[in-house]
Amino acid sequence: MIKPLGDRVLIKPLAAEEKTKSGIYIPNSSKEAPAQGEVIALGNGKIKEGKTHTFSVKKGDKVLYSKYAGDEVKIDGTEYKIMKEEEILGIL
């Protein structure tokens, strides 16, 4: 597994919805990339003015992030995103 550095977070995106809340199935061509994921690993924290600041999220949290946030990486066939904590919009 990869260990993020500094204030970066490793996130595993959640799978796209297969059907709408009303029960209509969504074809693969119309599925949007999810902007939600699970925190898998955290870096050491952001260092500002000589002090390390802790993260607002923790391993296992489900988070919401911007659609274009972070960098996509593939590890052992699984897709992940690495992004700065500040790119996370909220905890679900």
PDB file of N, CA and C in Angstrom:
ATOM      1  N   MET A   1       0.854  -1.183   0.000  1.00  0.00           N
ATOM      2  CA  MET A   1       0.000   0.000   0.000  1.00  0.00           C
ATOM      3  C   MET A   1       0.890   1.233   0.000  1.00  0.00           C
ATOM      4  N   ILE A   2       0.392   2.298  -0.549  1.00  0.00           N
ATOM      5  CA  ILE A   2       1.131   3.554  -0.645  1.00  0.00           C
ATOM      6  C   ILE A   2       0.851   4.422   0.585  1.00  0.00           C
ATOM      7  N   LYS A   3       1.856   5.118   1.078  1.00  0.00           N
ATOM      8  CA  LYS A   3       1.728   6.013   2.233  1.00  0.00           C
ATOM      9  C   LYS A   3       1.847   7.448   1.719  1.00  0.00           C
ATOM     10  N   PRO A   4       0.764   8.241   1.788  1.00  0.00           N
ATOM     11  CA  PRO A   4       0.834   9.635   1.339  1.00  0.00           C
ATOM     12  C   PRO A   4       1.786  10.450   2.213  1.00  0.00           C
ATOM     13  N   LEU A   5       2.350  11.494   1.643  1.00  0.00           N
ATOM     14  CA  LEU A   5       3.262  12.366   2.363  1.00  0.00           C
ATOM     15  C   LEU A   5       2.588  13.689   2.719  1.00  0.00           C
ATOM     16  N   GLY A   6       3.080  14.334   3.769  1.00  0.00           N
ATOM     17  CA  GLY A   6       2.596  15.661   4.162  1.00  0.00           C
ATOM     18  C   GLY A   6       1.112  15.680   4.460  1.00  0.00           C
ATOM     19  N   ASP A   7       0.405  16.633   3.853  1.00  0.00           N
ATOM     20  CA  ASP A   7      -1.027  16.793   4.110  1.00  0.00           C
ATOM     21  C   ASP A   7      -1.882  16.104   3.049  1.00  0.00           C
ATOM     22  N   ARG A   8      -1.353  15.043   2.454  1.00  0.00           N
ATOM     23  CA  ARG A   8      -2.100  14.324   1.421  1.00  0.00           C
ATOM     24  C   ARG A   8      -2.862  13.144   2.018  1.00  0.00           C
ATOM     25  N   VAL A   9      -3.947  12.783   1.311  1.00  0.00           N
ATOM     26  CA  VAL A   9      -4.850  11.721   1.751  1.00  0.00           C
ATOM     27  C   VAL A   9      -5.044  10.752   0.585  1.00  0.00           C
ATOM     28  N   LEU A  10      -5.026   9.448   0.863  1.00  0.00           N
ATOM     29  CA  LEU A  10      -5.299   8.418  -0.136  1.00  0.00           C
ATOM     30  C   LEU A  10      -6.763   8.027   0.004  1.00  0.00           C
ATOM     31  N   ILE A  11      -7.507   8.137  -1.098  1.00  0.00           N
ATOM     32  CA  ILE A  11      -8.947   7.876  -1.086  1.00  0.00           C
ATOM     33  C   ILE A  11      -9.290   6.828  -2.138  1.00  0.00           C
ATOM     34  N   LYS A  12     -10.153   5.886  -1.759  1.00  0.00           N
ATOM     35  CA  LYS A  12     -10.678   4.900  -2.705  1.00  0.00           C
ATOM     36  C   LYS A  12     -12.070   5.382  -3.103  1.00  0.00           C
ATOM     37  N   PRO A  13     -12.252   5.793  -4.373  1.00  0.00           N
ATOM     38  CA  PRO A  13     -13.571   6.266  -4.806  1.00  0.00           C
ATOM     39  C   PRO A  13     -14.638   5.178  -4.653  1.00  0.00           C
ATOM     40  N   LEU A  14     -15.838   5.600  -4.282  1.00  0.00           N
ATOM     41  CA  LEU A  14     -16.967   4.678  -4.190  1.00  0.00           C
ATOM     42  C   LEU A  14     -17.469   4.376  -5.587  1.00  0.00           C
ATOM     43  N   ALA A  15     -18.065   3.218  -5.778  1.00  0.00           N
ATOM     44  CA  ALA A  15     -18.592   2.817  -7.087  1.00  0.00           C
ATOM     45  C   ALA A  15     -19.739   3.725  -7.501  1.00  0.00           C
ATOM     46  N   ALA A  16     -19.852   3.968  -8.797  1.00  0.00           N
ATOM     47  CA  ALA A  16     -20.944   4.774  -9.333  1.00  0.00           C
ATOM     48  C   ALA A  16     -22.267   4.040  -9.130  1.00  0.00           C
ATOM     49  N   GLU A  17     -23.317   4.793  -8.952  1.00  0.00           N
ATOM     50  CA  GLU A  17     -24.646   4.224  -8.747  1.00  0.00           C
ATOM     51  C   GLU A  17     -25.098   3.438  -9.974  1.00  0.00           C
ATOM     52  N   GLU A  18     -25.674   2.266  -9.749  1.00  0.00           N
ATOM     53  CA  GLU A  18     -26.184   1.427 -10.829  1.00  0.00           C
ATOM     54  C   GLU A  18     -27.586   1.852 -11.260  1.00  0.00           C
ATOM     55  N   LYS A  19     -28.354   2.409 -10.317  1.00  0.00           N
ATOM     56  CA  LYS A  19     -29.706   2.854 -10.643  1.00  0.00           C
ATOM     57  C   LYS A  19     -30.072   4.064  -9.804  1.00  0.00           C
ATOM     58  N   THR A  20     -31.075   4.796 -10.262  1.00  0.00           N
ATOM     59  CA  THR A  20     -31.528   5.997  -9.564  1.00  0.00           C
ATOM     60  C   THR A  20     -32.358   5.599  -8.347  1.00  0.00           C
ATOM     61  N   LYS A  21     -32.679   6.570  -7.513  1.00  0.00           N
ATOM     62  CA  LYS A  21     -33.489   6.288  -6.324  1.00  0.00           C
ATOM     63  C   LYS A  21     -34.874   5.766  -6.690  1.00  0.00           C
ATOM     64  N   SER A  22     -35.368   6.149  -7.874  1.00  0.00           N
ATOM     65  CA  SER A  22     -36.684   5.680  -8.305  1.00  0.00           C
ATOM     66  C   SER A  22     -36.634   4.302  -8.957  1.00  0.00           C
ATOM     67  N   GLY A  23     -35.417   3.722  -9.117  1.00  0.00           N
ATOM     68  CA  GLY A  23     -35.297   2.363  -9.630  1.00  0.00           C
ATOM     69  C   GLY A  23     -34.918   2.245 -11.084  1.00  0.00           C
ATOM     70  N   ILE A  24     -34.625   3.365 -11.748  1.00  0.00           N
ATOM     71  CA  ILE A  24     -34.243   3.317 -13.165  1.00  0.00           C
ATOM     72  C   ILE A  24     -32.752   3.007 -13.257  1.00  0.00           C
ATOM     73  N   TYR A  25     -32.410   1.993 -14.071  1.00  0.00           N
ATOM     74  CA  TYR A  25     -31.007   1.611 -14.229  1.00  0.00           C
ATOM     75  C   TYR A  25     -30.278   2.605 -15.134  1.00  0.00           C
ATOM     76  N   ILE A  26     -29.050   2.948 -14.759  1.00  0.00           N
ATOM     77  CA  ILE A  26     -28.247   3.907 -15.499  1.00  0.00           C
ATOM     78  C   ILE A  26     -27.277   3.147 -16.392  1.00  0.00           C
ATOM     79  N   PRO A  27     -27.270   3.438 -17.721  1.00  0.00           N
ATOM     80  CA  PRO A  27     -26.318   2.748 -18.601  1.00  0.00           C
ATOM     81  C   PRO A  27     -24.887   3.198 -18.301  1.00  0.00           C
ATOM     82  N   ASN A  28     -23.918   2.328 -18.587  1.00  0.00           N
ATOM     83  CA  ASN A  28     -22.513   2.623 -18.307  1.00  0.00           C
ATOM     84  C   ASN A  28     -22.049   3.924 -18.956  1.00  0.00           C
ATOM     85  N   SER A  29     -22.545   4.224 -20.146  1.00  0.00           N
ATOM     86  CA  SER A  29     -22.112   5.427 -20.860  1.00  0.00           C
ATOM     87  C   SER A  29     -22.573   6.719 -20.176  1.00  0.00           C
ATOM     88  N   SER A  30     -23.588   6.645 -19.323  1.00  0.00           N
ATOM     89  CA  SER A  30     -24.124   7.835 -18.664  1.00  0.00           C
ATOM     90  C   SER A  30     -23.677   7.994 -17.220  1.00  0.00           C
ATOM     91  N   LYS A  31     -22.944   7.026 -16.707  1.00  0.00           N
ATOM     92  CA  LYS A  31     -22.516   7.096 -15.306  1.00  0.00           C
ATOM     93  C   LYS A  31     -21.459   8.176 -15.131  1.00  0.00           C
ATOM     94  N   GLU A  32     -21.614   8.970 -14.092  1.00  0.00           N
ATOM     95  CA  GLU A  32     -20.638   9.992 -13.761  1.00  0.00           C
ATOM     96  C   GLU A  32     -19.633   9.437 -12.775  1.00  0.00           C
ATOM     97  N   ALA A  33     -18.412   9.909 -12.857  1.00  0.00           N
ATOM     98  CA  ALA A  33     -17.403   9.480 -11.888  1.00  0.00           C
ATOM     99  C   ALA A  33     -17.841   9.929 -10.502  1.00  0.00           C
ATOM    100  N   PRO A  34     -17.738   9.066  -9.514  1.00  0.00           N
ATOM    101  CA  PRO A  34     -18.191   9.446  -8.176  1.00  0.00           C
ATOM    102  C   PRO A  34     -17.289  10.507  -7.563  1.00  0.00           C
ATOM    103  N   ALA A  35     -17.876  11.374  -6.780  1.00  0.00           N
ATOM    104  CA  ALA A  35     -17.115  12.400  -6.065  1.00  0.00           C
ATOM    105  C   ALA A  35     -17.167  12.077  -4.576  1.00  0.00           C
ATOM    106  N   GLN A  36     -17.297  10.793  -4.276  1.00  0.00           N
ATOM    107  CA  GLN A  36     -17.321  10.318  -2.898  1.00  0.00           C
ATOM    108  C   GLN A  36     -16.341   9.161  -2.781  1.00  0.00           C
ATOM    109  N   GLY A  37     -15.757   9.020  -1.615  1.00  0.00           N
ATOM    110  CA  GLY A  37     -14.822   7.927  -1.427  1.00  0.00           C
ATOM    111  C   GLY A  37     -14.542   7.671   0.033  1.00  0.00           C
ATOM    112  N   GLU A  38     -13.719   6.656   0.271  1.00  0.00           N
ATOM    113  CA  GLU A  38     -13.348   6.271   1.632  1.00  0.00           C
ATOM    114  C   GLU A  38     -11.870   6.564   1.843  1.00  0.00           C
ATOM    115  N   VAL A  39     -11.553   7.182   2.979  1.00  0.00           N
ATOM    116  CA  VAL A  39     -10.168   7.492   3.320  1.00  0.00           C
ATOM    117  C   VAL A  39      -9.455   6.186   3.664  1.00  0.00           C
ATOM    118  N   ILE A  40      -8.373   5.896   2.939  1.00  0.00           N
ATOM    119  CA  ILE A  40      -7.618   4.666   3.126  1.00  0.00           C
ATOM    120  C   ILE A  40      -6.360   4.915   3.952  1.00  0.00           C
ATOM    121  N   ALA A  41      -5.672   6.029   3.696  1.00  0.00           N
ATOM    122  CA  ALA A  41      -4.429   6.341   4.414  1.00  0.00           C
ATOM    123  C   ALA A  41      -4.226   7.844   4.474  1.00  0.00           C
ATOM    124  N   LEU A  42      -3.489   8.286   5.488  1.00  0.00           N
ATOM    125  CA  LEU A  42      -3.197   9.707   5.697  1.00  0.00           C
ATOM    126  C   LEU A  42      -1.701   9.924   5.740  1.00  0.00           C
ATOM    127  N   GLY A  43      -1.265  11.130   5.341  1.00  0.00           N
ATOM    128  CA  GLY A  43       0.135  11.513   5.449  1.00  0.00           C
ATOM    129  C   GLY A  43       0.460  11.864   6.895  1.00  0.00           C
ATOM    130  N   ASN A  44       1.545  12.582   7.099  1.00  0.00           N
ATOM    131  CA  ASN A  44       1.988  12.947   8.450  1.00  0.00           C
ATOM    132  C   ASN A  44       1.307  14.205   8.977  1.00  0.00           C
ATOM    133  N   GLY A  45       0.663  14.969   8.121  1.00  0.00           N
ATOM    134  CA  GLY A  45       0.014  16.213   8.527  1.00  0.00           C
ATOM    135  C   GLY A  45       0.742  17.409   7.945  1.00  0.00           C
ATOM    136  N   LYS A  46       0.055  18.528   7.936  1.00  0.00           N
ATOM    137  CA  LYS A  46       0.602  19.747   7.366  1.00  0.00           C
ATOM    138  C   LYS A  46       1.488  20.442   8.394  1.00  0.00           C
ATOM    139  N   ILE A  47       2.668  20.862   7.963  1.00  0.00           N
ATOM    140  CA  ILE A  47       3.570  21.583   8.854  1.00  0.00           C
ATOM    141  C   ILE A  47       3.474  23.066   8.512  1.00  0.00           C
ATOM    142  N   LYS A  48       3.052  23.840   9.489  1.00  0.00           N
ATOM    143  CA  LYS A  48       2.895  25.287   9.296  1.00  0.00           C
ATOM    144  C   LYS A  48       3.500  25.993  10.495  1.00  0.00           C
ATOM    145  N   GLU A  49       4.415  26.897  10.231  1.00  0.00           N
ATOM    146  CA  GLU A  49       5.110  27.643  11.273  1.00  0.00           C
ATOM    147  C   GLU A  49       5.782  26.715  12.286  1.00  0.00           C
ATOM    148  N   GLY A  50       6.341  25.622  11.791  1.00  0.00           N
ATOM    149  CA  GLY A  50       7.070  24.691  12.640  1.00  0.00           C
ATOM    150  C   GLY A  50       6.223  23.722  13.441  1.00  0.00           C
ATOM    151  N   LYS A  51       4.901  23.788  13.285  1.00  0.00           N
ATOM    152  CA  LYS A  51       4.012  22.891  14.028  1.00  0.00           C
ATOM    153  C   LYS A  51       3.261  21.994  13.053  1.00  0.00           C
ATOM    154  N   THR A  52       3.074  20.735  13.452  1.00  0.00           N
ATOM    155  CA  THR A  52       2.316  19.791  12.640  1.00  0.00           C
ATOM    156  C   THR A  52       0.846  19.879  13.024  1.00  0.00           C
ATOM    157  N   HIS A  53       0.002  20.113  12.015  1.00  0.00           N
ATOM    158  CA  HIS A  53      -1.444  20.181  12.237  1.00  0.00           C
ATOM    159  C   HIS A  53      -2.067  18.832  11.911  1.00  0.00           C
ATOM    160  N   THR A  54      -2.964  18.368  12.755  1.00  0.00           N
ATOM    161  CA  THR A  54      -3.597  17.068  12.549  1.00  0.00           C
ATOM    162  C   THR A  54      -4.680  17.157  11.481  1.00  0.00           C
ATOM    163  N   PHE A  55      -5.085  16.007  10.982  1.00  0.00           N
ATOM    164  CA  PHE A  55      -6.118  15.934   9.951  1.00  0.00           C
ATOM    165  C   PHE A  55      -7.514  16.061  10.559  1.00  0.00           C
ATOM    166  N   SER A  56      -8.441  16.577   9.747  1.00  0.00           N
ATOM    167  CA  SER A  56      -9.846  16.648  10.141  1.00  0.00           C
ATOM    168  C   SER A  56     -10.564  15.341   9.838  1.00  0.00           C
ATOM    169  N   VAL A  57      -9.973  14.533   8.968  1.00  0.00           N
ATOM    170  CA  VAL A  57     -10.554  13.234   8.597  1.00  0.00           C
ATOM    171  C   VAL A  57      -9.687  12.130   9.184  1.00  0.00           C
ATOM    172  N   LYS A  58     -10.268  10.922   9.242  1.00  0.00           N
ATOM    173  CA  LYS A  58      -9.508   9.777   9.744  1.00  0.00           C
ATOM    174  C   LYS A  58      -9.730   8.591   8.811  1.00  0.00           C
ATOM    175  N   LYS A  59      -8.912   7.595   8.948  1.00  0.00           N
ATOM    176  CA  LYS A  59      -9.015   6.393   8.134  1.00  0.00           C
ATOM    177  C   LYS A  59     -10.408   5.787   8.302  1.00  0.00           C
ATOM    178  N   GLY A  60     -11.051   5.441   7.171  1.00  0.00           N
ATOM    179  CA  GLY A  60     -12.379   4.842   7.199  1.00  0.00           C
ATOM    180  C   GLY A  60     -13.510   5.831   6.979  1.00  0.00           C
ATOM    181  N   ASP A  61     -13.234   7.146   7.087  1.00  0.00           N
ATOM    182  CA  ASP A  61     -14.273   8.156   6.853  1.00  0.00           C
ATOM    183  C   ASP A  61     -14.719   8.133   5.398  1.00  0.00           C
ATOM    184  N   LYS A  62     -16.008   8.323   5.171  1.00  0.00           N
ATOM    185  CA  LYS A  62     -16.556   8.507   3.828  1.00  0.00           C
ATOM    186  C   LYS A  62     -16.566  10.019   3.590  1.00  0.00           C
ATOM    187  N   VAL A  63     -15.956  10.449   2.483  1.00  0.00           N
ATOM    188  CA  VAL A  63     -15.808  11.878   2.230  1.00  0.00           C
ATOM    189  C   VAL A  63     -16.358  12.268   0.870  1.00  0.00           C
ATOM    190  N   LEU A  64     -16.635  13.550   0.742  1.00  0.00           N
ATOM    191  CA  LEU A  64     -17.100  14.157  -0.496  1.00  0.00           C
ATOM    192  C   LEU A  64     -15.986  15.075  -0.974  1.00  0.00           C
ATOM    193  N   TYR A  65     -15.637  15.000  -2.257  1.00  0.00           N
ATOM    194  CA  TYR A  65     -14.571  15.841  -2.792  1.00  0.00           C
ATOM    195  C   TYR A  65     -14.976  16.383  -4.149  1.00  0.00           C
ATOM    196  N   SER A  66     -14.261  17.394  -4.600  1.00  0.00           N
ATOM    197  CA  SER A  66     -14.523  18.002  -5.891  1.00  0.00           C
ATOM    198  C   SER A  66     -14.296  16.989  -7.008  1.00  0.00           C
ATOM    199  N   LYS A  67     -15.079  17.068  -8.044  1.00  0.00           N
ATOM    200  CA  LYS A  67     -15.024  16.121  -9.159  1.00  0.00           C
ATOM    201  C   LYS A  67     -13.629  16.010  -9.778  1.00  0.00           C
ATOM    202  N   TYR A  68     -12.907  17.110  -9.862  1.00  0.00           N
ATOM    203  CA  TYR A  68     -11.593  17.114 -10.516  1.00  0.00           C
ATOM    204  C   TYR A  68     -10.435  17.179  -9.512  1.00  0.00           C
ATOM    205  N   ALA A  69     -10.700  16.922  -8.249  1.00  0.00           N
ATOM    206  CA  ALA A  69      -9.675  17.014  -7.200  1.00  0.00           C
ATOM    207  C   ALA A  69      -8.704  15.846  -7.270  1.00  0.00           C
ATOM    208  N   GLY A  70      -7.486  16.105  -6.867  1.00  0.00           N
ATOM    209  CA  GLY A  70      -6.488  15.052  -6.690  1.00  0.00           C
ATOM    210  C   GLY A  70      -5.963  14.436  -7.961  1.00  0.00           C
ATOM    211  N   ASP A  71      -5.100  13.467  -7.777  1.00  0.00           N
ATOM    212  CA  ASP A  71      -4.480  12.731  -8.874  1.00  0.00           C
ATOM    213  C   ASP A  71      -4.888  11.268  -8.782  1.00  0.00           C
ATOM    214  N   GLU A  72      -5.230  10.703  -9.927  1.00  0.00           N
ATOM    215  CA  GLU A  72      -5.629   9.294  -9.956  1.00  0.00           C
ATOM    216  C   GLU A  72      -4.397   8.408 -10.047  1.00  0.00           C
ATOM    217  N   VAL A  73      -4.391   7.344  -9.250  1.00  0.00           N
ATOM    218  CA  VAL A  73      -3.315   6.358  -9.292  1.00  0.00           C
ATOM    219  C   VAL A  73      -3.940   4.964  -9.284  1.00  0.00           C
ATOM    220  N   LYS A  74      -3.236   4.014  -9.870  1.00  0.00           N
ATOM    221  CA  LYS A  74      -3.719   2.635  -9.903  1.00  0.00           C
ATOM    222  C   LYS A  74      -2.684   1.778  -9.184  1.00  0.00           C
ATOM    223  N   ILE A  75      -3.122   1.069  -8.135  1.00  0.00           N
ATOM    224  CA  ILE A  75      -2.244   0.221  -7.351  1.00  0.00           C
ATOM    225  C   ILE A  75      -2.830  -1.186  -7.340  1.00  0.00           C
ATOM    226  N   ASP A  76      -2.092  -2.149  -7.848  1.00  0.00           N
ATOM    227  CA  ASP A  76      -2.536  -3.546  -7.914  1.00  0.00           C
ATOM    228  C   ASP A  76      -3.918  -3.674  -8.558  1.00  0.00           C
ATOM    229  N   GLY A  77      -4.172  -2.891  -9.610  1.00  0.00           N
ATOM    230  CA  GLY A  77      -5.430  -2.967 -10.336  1.00  0.00           C
ATOM    231  C   GLY A  77      -6.583  -2.206  -9.709  1.00  0.00           C
ATOM    232  N   THR A  78      -6.364  -1.539  -8.584  1.00  0.00           N
ATOM    233  CA  THR A  78      -7.418  -0.775  -7.914  1.00  0.00           C
ATOM    234  C   THR A  78      -7.148   0.712  -8.082  1.00  0.00           C
ATOM    235  N   GLU A  79      -8.186   1.475  -8.432  1.00  0.00           N
ATOM    236  CA  GLU A  79      -8.051   2.923  -8.639  1.00  0.00           C
ATOM    237  C   GLU A  79      -8.177   3.665  -7.311  1.00  0.00           C
ATOM    238  N   TYR A  80      -7.300   4.642  -7.102  1.00  0.00           N
ATOM    239  CA  TYR A  80      -7.319   5.497  -5.920  1.00  0.00           C
ATOM    240  C   TYR A  80      -7.127   6.934  -6.357  1.00  0.00           C
ATOM    241  N   LYS A  81      -7.362   7.840  -5.421  1.00  0.00           N
ATOM    242  CA  LYS A  81      -7.061   9.257  -5.627  1.00  0.00           C
ATOM    243  C   LYS A  81      -6.179   9.717  -4.484  1.00  0.00           C
ATOM    244  N   ILE A  82      -5.164  10.509  -4.808  1.00  0.00           N
ATOM    245  CA  ILE A  82      -4.344  11.148  -3.791  1.00  0.00           C
ATOM    246  C   ILE A  82      -4.597  12.635  -3.909  1.00  0.00           C
ATOM    247  N   MET A  83      -5.003  13.248  -2.798  1.00  0.00           N
ATOM    248  CA  MET A  83      -5.300  14.677  -2.818  1.00  0.00           C
ATOM    249  C   MET A  83      -4.924  15.325  -1.506  1.00  0.00           C
ATOM    250  N   LYS A  84      -4.803  16.638  -1.538  1.00  0.00           N
ATOM    251  CA  LYS A  84      -4.550  17.378  -0.305  1.00  0.00           C
ATOM    252  C   LYS A  84      -5.834  17.385   0.514  1.00  0.00           C
ATOM    253  N   GLU A  85      -5.688  17.454   1.820  1.00  0.00           N
ATOM    254  CA  GLU A  85      -6.864  17.447   2.698  1.00  0.00           C
ATOM    255  C   GLU A  85      -7.788  18.615   2.376  1.00  0.00           C
ATOM    256  N   GLU A  86      -7.232  19.752   1.981  1.00  0.00           N
ATOM    257  CA  GLU A  86      -8.048  20.926   1.710  1.00  0.00           C
ATOM    258  C   GLU A  86      -8.962  20.750   0.485  1.00  0.00           C
ATOM    259  N   GLU A  87      -8.707  19.728  -0.342  1.00  0.00           N
ATOM    260  CA  GLU A  87      -9.577  19.450  -1.498  1.00  0.00           C
ATOM    261  C   GLU A  87     -10.804  18.639  -1.096  1.00  0.00           C
ATOM    262  N   ILE A  88     -10.834  18.108   0.125  1.00  0.00           N
ATOM    263  CA  ILE A  88     -11.994  17.376   0.623  1.00  0.00           C
ATOM    264  C   ILE A  88     -13.036  18.386   1.060  1.00  0.00           C
ATOM    265  N   LEU A  89     -14.260  18.217   0.565  1.00  0.00           N
ATOM    266  CA  LEU A  89     -15.344  19.164   0.845  1.00  0.00           C
ATOM    267  C   LEU A  89     -16.062  18.869   2.147  1.00  0.00           C
ATOM    268  N   GLY A  90     -16.171  17.592   2.518  1.00  0.00           N
ATOM    269  CA  GLY A  90     -16.884  17.250   3.747  1.00  0.00           C
ATOM    270  C   GLY A  90     -16.862  15.769   4.028  1.00  0.00           C
ATOM    271  N   ILE A  91     -17.301  15.438   5.242  1.00  0.00           N
ATOM    272  CA  ILE A  91     -17.396  14.032   5.674  1.00  0.00           C
ATOM    273  C   ILE A  91     -18.861  13.629   5.605  1.00  0.00           C
ATOM    274  N   LEU A  92     -19.131  12.449   5.032  1.00  0.00           N
ATOM    275  CA  LEU A  92     -20.524  11.967   4.912  1.00  0.00           C
ATOM    276  C   LEU A  92     -20.931  11.199   6.145  1.00  0.00           C
TER     277      LEU A  92
END
